Amino acid sequence: MSEDRELHGACHCGAVQLTVAKPPEEVLRCNCSLCRKTGWRGGYWHPDAVTIAAAPNALNSYVQGHKSITLWNCKNCGAQTHWTPLTAPPERMGVNMHIFRPEDWELLSVRDVDGAGDGG
């Protein structure tokens, strides 16, 4: 896997597509209730580094309990694609690595994060 290769991902039905310039440094696996229940594996980029292609009405938003992020999913297939910051650090947004082909990220290091320890 080339470190400078663009990654192209999409929800299950293809209505929401995301592109990033290169793979993340690592993938985070969080144990908070939201990540556990959605199977989230996060890659993180500056919001300017992520291109989202979707019709204006293609996405649902959900503001999680701590009200620090908005989680986005496809209205058609329900796949969770990404999150954007509300009060979380504005220089970072998360993308669900499961929307990319496994071979694009399965060899990256995975860091476990104790989000449940933060009350999540």
Protein backbone atom coordinates (compact mmCIF):
# COMPACT_ATOMS: atom_id res chain seq x y z
CA MET A 1 0.00 0.00 0.00
CA SER A 2 1.46 3.34 -1.07
CA GLU A 3 1.40 5.93 1.71
CA ASP A 4 0.62 8.76 -0.71
CA ARG A 5 -2.24 7.04 -2.53
CA GLU A 6 -5.68 8.63 -2.50
CA LEU A 7 -8.37 6.59 -0.79
CA HIS A 8 -11.91 6.51 -2.18
CA GLY A 9 -14.72 5.20 -0.01
CA ALA A 10 -18.49 5.07 -0.07
CA CYS A 11 -21.49 4.01 1.95
CA HIS A 12 -23.06 0.65 1.08
CA CYS A 13 -25.36 2.04 -1.64
CA GLY A 14 -22.81 4.52 -3.01
CA ALA A 15 -24.92 7.66 -2.43
CA VAL A 16 -22.27 9.14 -0.10
CA GLN A 17 -18.66 9.10 -1.26
CA LEU A 18 -15.56 10.34 0.54
CA THR A 19 -12.03 10.86 -0.75
CA VAL A 20 -8.87 11.52 1.24
CA ALA A 21 -5.42 12.28 -0.16
CA LYS A 22 -3.61 9.53 1.75
CA PRO A 23 -4.15 6.91 4.45
CA PRO A 24 -4.17 8.09 8.07
CA GLU A 25 -1.15 7.54 10.29
CA GLU A 26 -3.15 5.03 12.32
CA VAL A 27 -6.66 3.72 12.86
CA LEU A 28 -8.38 4.20 16.21
CA ARG A 29 -10.61 1.58 17.80
CA CYS A 30 -12.64 3.19 20.57
CA ASN A 31 -14.69 1.36 23.21
CA CYS A 32 -17.22 4.13 23.93
CA SER A 33 -20.87 3.13 23.60
CA LEU A 34 -21.30 4.85 20.24
CA CYS A 35 -18.25 3.24 18.63
CA ARG A 36 -19.03 -0.17 20.14
CA LYS A 37 -22.61 -0.13 18.87
CA THR A 38 -21.75 1.09 15.38
CA GLY A 39 -18.55 -0.88 14.80
CA TRP A 40 -16.68 2.36 14.12
CA ARG A 41 -12.99 2.26 13.18
CA GLY A 42 -11.72 5.80 12.82
CA GLY A 43 -9.26 7.45 10.52
CA TYR A 44 -8.67 11.12 11.21
CA TRP A 45 -7.85 14.02 8.92
CA HIS A 46 -8.12 17.80 8.84
CA PRO A 47 -11.60 18.61 7.47
CA ASP A 48 -10.01 20.36 4.46
CA ALA A 49 -8.35 17.05 3.51
CA VAL A 50 -11.67 15.18 3.13
CA THR A 51 -13.88 15.53 0.06
CA ILE A 52 -17.51 14.49 0.53
CA ALA A 53 -19.69 13.91 -2.53
CA ALA A 54 -23.38 13.47 -1.74
CA ALA A 55 -26.67 15.01 -2.73
CA PRO A 56 -27.77 17.70 -0.23
CA ASN A 57 -30.46 15.43 1.23
CA ALA A 58 -28.43 12.19 1.22
CA LEU A 59 -27.15 12.42 4.80
CA ASN A 60 -28.72 12.09 8.25
CA SER A 61 -27.02 13.71 11.21
CA TYR A 62 -26.89 12.56 14.82
CA VAL A 63 -25.34 14.65 17.60
CA GLN A 64 -23.87 12.30 20.18
CA GLY A 65 -24.44 12.66 23.91
CA HIS A 66 -21.44 14.82 24.78
CA LYS A 67 -22.44 17.14 21.93
CA SER A 68 -18.87 17.33 20.68
CA ILE A 69 -19.40 15.71 17.26
CA THR A 70 -22.05 15.24 14.62
CA LEU A 71 -22.13 11.71 13.24
CA TRP A 72 -23.28 11.38 9.61
CA ASN A 73 -24.91 8.40 7.93
CA CYS A 74 -26.49 7.74 4.54
CA LYS A 75 -30.28 8.22 4.55
CA ASN A 76 -30.70 5.42 2.04
CA CYS A 77 -28.56 2.55 3.37
CA GLY A 78 -27.83 3.76 6.91
CA ALA A 79 -24.04 3.33 6.69
CA GLN A 80 -22.15 5.65 9.02
CA THR A 81 -19.58 7.50 6.97
CA HIS A 82 -17.96 10.24 9.04
CA TRP A 83 -18.20 12.70 11.87
CA THR A 84 -17.60 16.43 12.02
CA PRO A 85 -16.66 18.47 15.09
CA LEU A 86 -19.04 20.62 17.10
CA THR A 87 -16.85 21.30 20.11
CA ALA A 88 -14.22 18.61 19.46
CA PRO A 89 -10.92 19.90 18.08
CA PRO A 90 -11.96 21.70 14.86
CA GLU A 91 -8.79 20.64 13.06
CA ARG A 92 -9.87 16.99 13.07
CA MET A 93 -12.74 14.99 11.65
CA GLY A 94 -13.27 11.25 11.67
CA VAL A 95 -13.99 8.95 8.76
CA ASN A 96 -15.26 5.40 9.23
CA MET A 97 -12.47 3.29 7.77
CA HIS A 98 -15.00 0.57 6.93
CA ILE A 99 -16.19 2.65 3.95
CA PHE A 100 -12.81 2.06 2.26
CA ARG A 101 -11.59 -1.21 0.78
CA PRO A 102 -10.04 -3.37 3.52
CA GLU A 103 -6.74 -3.59 1.66
CA ASP A 104 -6.47 0.21 1.81
CA TRP A 105 -6.17 0.23 5.60
CA GLU A 106 -6.02 -3.24 7.17
CA LEU A 107 -2.22 -3.12 7.46
CA LEU A 108 -2.18 0.21 9.32
CA SER A 109 -1.50 0.17 13.03
CA VAL A 110 -4.60 0.18 15.23
CA ARG A 111 -4.60 2.07 18.51
CA ASP A 112 -7.17 1.23 21.17
CA VAL A 113 -8.75 4.26 22.85
CA ASP A 114 -10.60 4.11 26.16
CA GLY A 115 -13.60 6.26 25.27
CA ALA A 116 -15.72 4.36 27.78
CA GLY A 117 -13.42 5.62 30.54
CA ASP A 118 -14.44 9.16 29.57
CA GLY A 119 -18.08 8.32 30.31
CA GLY A 120 -18.85 7.36 26.67
